[in-house]
């Protein structure tokens, strides 16, 4: 779906935004499961994922919305996930 959109618009930003949206929507079941069972998640994986994408932002040769959208959005999603799990663990433990 993203490649034809890129072809039709002649702008890679639309392909990146489409793929980023699909990737973040795919993260929704993980959020739901972690909300219900916060102690079953390994946060170290998500810490490493957020670090990986934050480091990749510094490795970019050119900064634009097209190059930054995916790694920044995934890093933010992972950080929000980590915060949510930590907060839920506190609530569920009580």
C-alpha atoms as a PDB file:
ATOM      1  CA  UNK A   1       0.000   0.000   0.000  1.00  0.00           C
ATOM      2  CA  UNK A   2       2.843   2.375   0.793  1.00  0.00           C
ATOM      3  CA  UNK A   3       4.783   1.911  -2.422  1.00  0.00           C
ATOM      4  CA  UNK A   4       1.872   2.737  -4.746  1.00  0.00           C
ATOM      5  CA  UNK A   5       1.127   5.770  -2.582  1.00  0.00           C
ATOM      6  CA  UNK A   6       4.748   6.880  -2.954  1.00  0.00           C
ATOM      7  CA  UNK A   7       4.546   6.301  -6.705  1.00  0.00           C
ATOM      8  CA  UNK A   8       1.286   8.223  -7.087  1.00  0.00           C
ATOM      9  CA  UNK A   9       2.304  11.187  -4.943  1.00  0.00           C
ATOM     10  CA  UNK A  10       5.992  11.169  -5.907  1.00  0.00           C
ATOM     11  CA  UNK A  11       6.705  11.912  -2.233  1.00  0.00           C
ATOM     12  CA  UNK A  12       8.318   9.311   0.062  1.00  0.00           C
ATOM     13  CA  UNK A  13       6.815  11.006   3.134  1.00  0.00           C
ATOM     14  CA  UNK A  14       3.436   9.403   2.431  1.00  0.00           C
ATOM     15  CA  UNK A  15       4.982   5.943   2.287  1.00  0.00           C
ATOM     16  CA  UNK A  16       6.849   6.535   5.541  1.00  0.00           C
ATOM     17  CA  UNK A  17       3.719   7.844   7.275  1.00  0.00           C
ATOM     18  CA  UNK A  18       1.692   4.873   6.040  1.00  0.00           C
ATOM     19  CA  UNK A  19       4.262   2.349   7.212  1.00  0.00           C
ATOM     20  CA  UNK A  20       4.710   4.140  10.547  1.00  0.00           C
ATOM     21  CA  UNK A  21       0.963   4.151  11.148  1.00  0.00           C
ATOM     22  CA  UNK A  22       0.665   0.451  10.341  1.00  0.00           C
ATOM     23  CA  UNK A  23       3.614  -0.376  12.612  1.00  0.00           C
ATOM     24  CA  UNK A  24       2.158   1.608  15.523  1.00  0.00           C
ATOM     25  CA  UNK A  25      -1.269   0.031  15.051  1.00  0.00           C
ATOM     26  CA  UNK A  26       0.441  -3.343  15.227  1.00  0.00           C
ATOM     27  CA  UNK A  27       1.801  -2.325  18.636  1.00  0.00           C
ATOM     28  CA  UNK A  28      -1.754  -1.953  20.046  1.00  0.00           C
ATOM     29  CA  UNK A  29      -2.219  -5.622  21.078  1.00  0.00           C
ATOM     30  CA  UNK A  30       1.043  -5.438  23.027  1.00  0.00           C
ATOM     31  CA  UNK A  31      -0.244  -2.373  24.889  1.00  0.00           C
ATOM     32  CA  UNK A  32      -3.534  -4.144  25.635  1.00  0.00           C
ATOM     33  CA  UNK A  33      -1.834  -7.282  26.959  1.00  0.00           C
ATOM     34  CA  UNK A  34       0.611  -5.266  29.068  1.00  0.00           C
ATOM     35  CA  UNK A  35      -2.258  -3.235  30.515  1.00  0.00           C
ATOM     36  CA  UNK A  36      -3.971  -6.424  31.646  1.00  0.00           C
ATOM     37  CA  UNK A  37      -0.834  -8.336  32.688  1.00  0.00           C
ATOM     38  CA  UNK A  38       1.968  -5.806  33.343  1.00  0.00           C
ATOM     39  CA  UNK A  39       4.238  -8.252  35.170  1.00  0.00           C
ATOM     40  CA  UNK A  40       4.525 -10.532  32.126  1.00  0.00           C
ATOM     41  CA  UNK A  41       6.416  -7.980  30.005  1.00  0.00           C
ATOM     42  CA  UNK A  42      10.206  -7.856  29.751  1.00  0.00           C
ATOM     43  CA  UNK A  43      10.911  -4.133  29.849  1.00  0.00           C
ATOM     44  CA  UNK A  44      14.575  -4.594  28.940  1.00  0.00           C
ATOM     45  CA  UNK A  45      13.537  -5.390  25.355  1.00  0.00           C
ATOM     46  CA  UNK A  46      11.590  -2.129  25.065  1.00  0.00           C
ATOM     47  CA  UNK A  47      14.389  -0.135  26.718  1.00  0.00           C
ATOM     48  CA  UNK A  48      16.810  -1.502  24.118  1.00  0.00           C
ATOM     49  CA  UNK A  49      14.330  -0.810  21.305  1.00  0.00           C
ATOM     50  CA  UNK A  50      13.844   2.810  22.371  1.00  0.00           C
ATOM     51  CA  UNK A  51      17.613   3.273  22.753  1.00  0.00           C
ATOM     52  CA  UNK A  52      18.211   1.733  19.310  1.00  0.00           C
ATOM     53  CA  UNK A  53      15.806   4.100  17.595  1.00  0.00           C
ATOM     54  CA  UNK A  54      17.015   7.146  19.525  1.00  0.00           C
ATOM     55  CA  UNK A  55      20.618   6.333  18.564  1.00  0.00           C
ATOM     56  CA  UNK A  56      19.544   5.846  14.941  1.00  0.00           C
ATOM     57  CA  UNK A  57      18.233   9.413  14.938  1.00  0.00           C
ATOM     58  CA  UNK A  58      21.749  10.675  15.661  1.00  0.00           C
ATOM     59  CA  UNK A  59      23.127   8.585  12.789  1.00  0.00           C
ATOM     60  CA  UNK A  60      20.954  10.247  10.158  1.00  0.00           C
ATOM     61  CA  UNK A  61      22.827  12.156   7.482  1.00  0.00           C
ATOM     62  CA  UNK A  62      19.811  14.334   6.688  1.00  0.00           C
ATOM     63  CA  UNK A  63      17.107  15.414   9.129  1.00  0.00           C
ATOM     64  CA  UNK A  64      13.600  15.714   7.756  1.00  0.00           C
ATOM     65  CA  UNK A  65      10.146  14.471   8.635  1.00  0.00           C
ATOM     66  CA  UNK A  66      10.619  11.669   6.117  1.00  0.00           C
ATOM     67  CA  UNK A  67      13.827  10.383   7.721  1.00  0.00           C
ATOM     68  CA  UNK A  68      12.840  10.985  11.352  1.00  0.00           C
ATOM     69  CA  UNK A  69       9.174   9.957  11.455  1.00  0.00           C
ATOM     70  CA  UNK A  70       9.585   6.209  11.848  1.00  0.00           C
ATOM     71  CA  UNK A  71      12.450   5.967  14.359  1.00  0.00           C
ATOM     72  CA  UNK A  72      11.122   8.832  16.462  1.00  0.00           C
ATOM     73  CA  UNK A  73       7.576   7.490  16.607  1.00  0.00           C
ATOM     74  CA  UNK A  74       8.706   3.956  17.504  1.00  0.00           C
ATOM     75  CA  UNK A  75      11.061   5.291  20.186  1.00  0.00           C
ATOM     76  CA  UNK A  76       8.263   7.405  21.688  1.00  0.00           C
ATOM     77  CA  UNK A  77       5.871   4.445  21.567  1.00  0.00           C
ATOM     78  CA  UNK A  78       8.399   2.261  23.403  1.00  0.00           C
ATOM     79  CA  UNK A  79       9.023   4.939  26.042  1.00  0.00           C
ATOM     80  CA  UNK A  80       5.282   5.393  26.574  1.00  0.00           C
ATOM     81  CA  UNK A  81       4.925   1.619  26.805  1.00  0.00           C
ATOM     82  CA  UNK A  82       7.642   1.425  29.463  1.00  0.00           C
ATOM     83  CA  UNK A  83       6.022   4.200  31.490  1.00  0.00           C
ATOM     84  CA  UNK A  84       2.601   2.568  31.195  1.00  0.00           C
ATOM     85  CA  UNK A  85       3.905  -0.822  32.362  1.00  0.00           C
ATOM     86  CA  UNK A  86       5.764   0.691  35.329  1.00  0.00           C
ATOM     87  CA  UNK A  87       2.676   2.639  36.391  1.00  0.00           C
ATOM     88  CA  UNK A  88       0.402  -0.379  35.924  1.00  0.00           C
ATOM     89  CA  UNK A  89       2.745  -2.572  37.973  1.00  0.00           C
ATOM     90  CA  UNK A  90       2.415  -0.093  40.827  1.00  0.00           C
ATOM     91  CA  UNK A  91      -1.372  -0.099  40.603  1.00  0.00           C
ATOM     92  CA  UNK A  92      -1.766  -3.860  40.212  1.00  0.00           C
ATOM     93  CA  UNK A  93       0.667  -4.570  43.066  1.00  0.00           C
ATOM     94  CA  UNK A  94      -1.557  -2.685  45.506  1.00  0.00           C
END
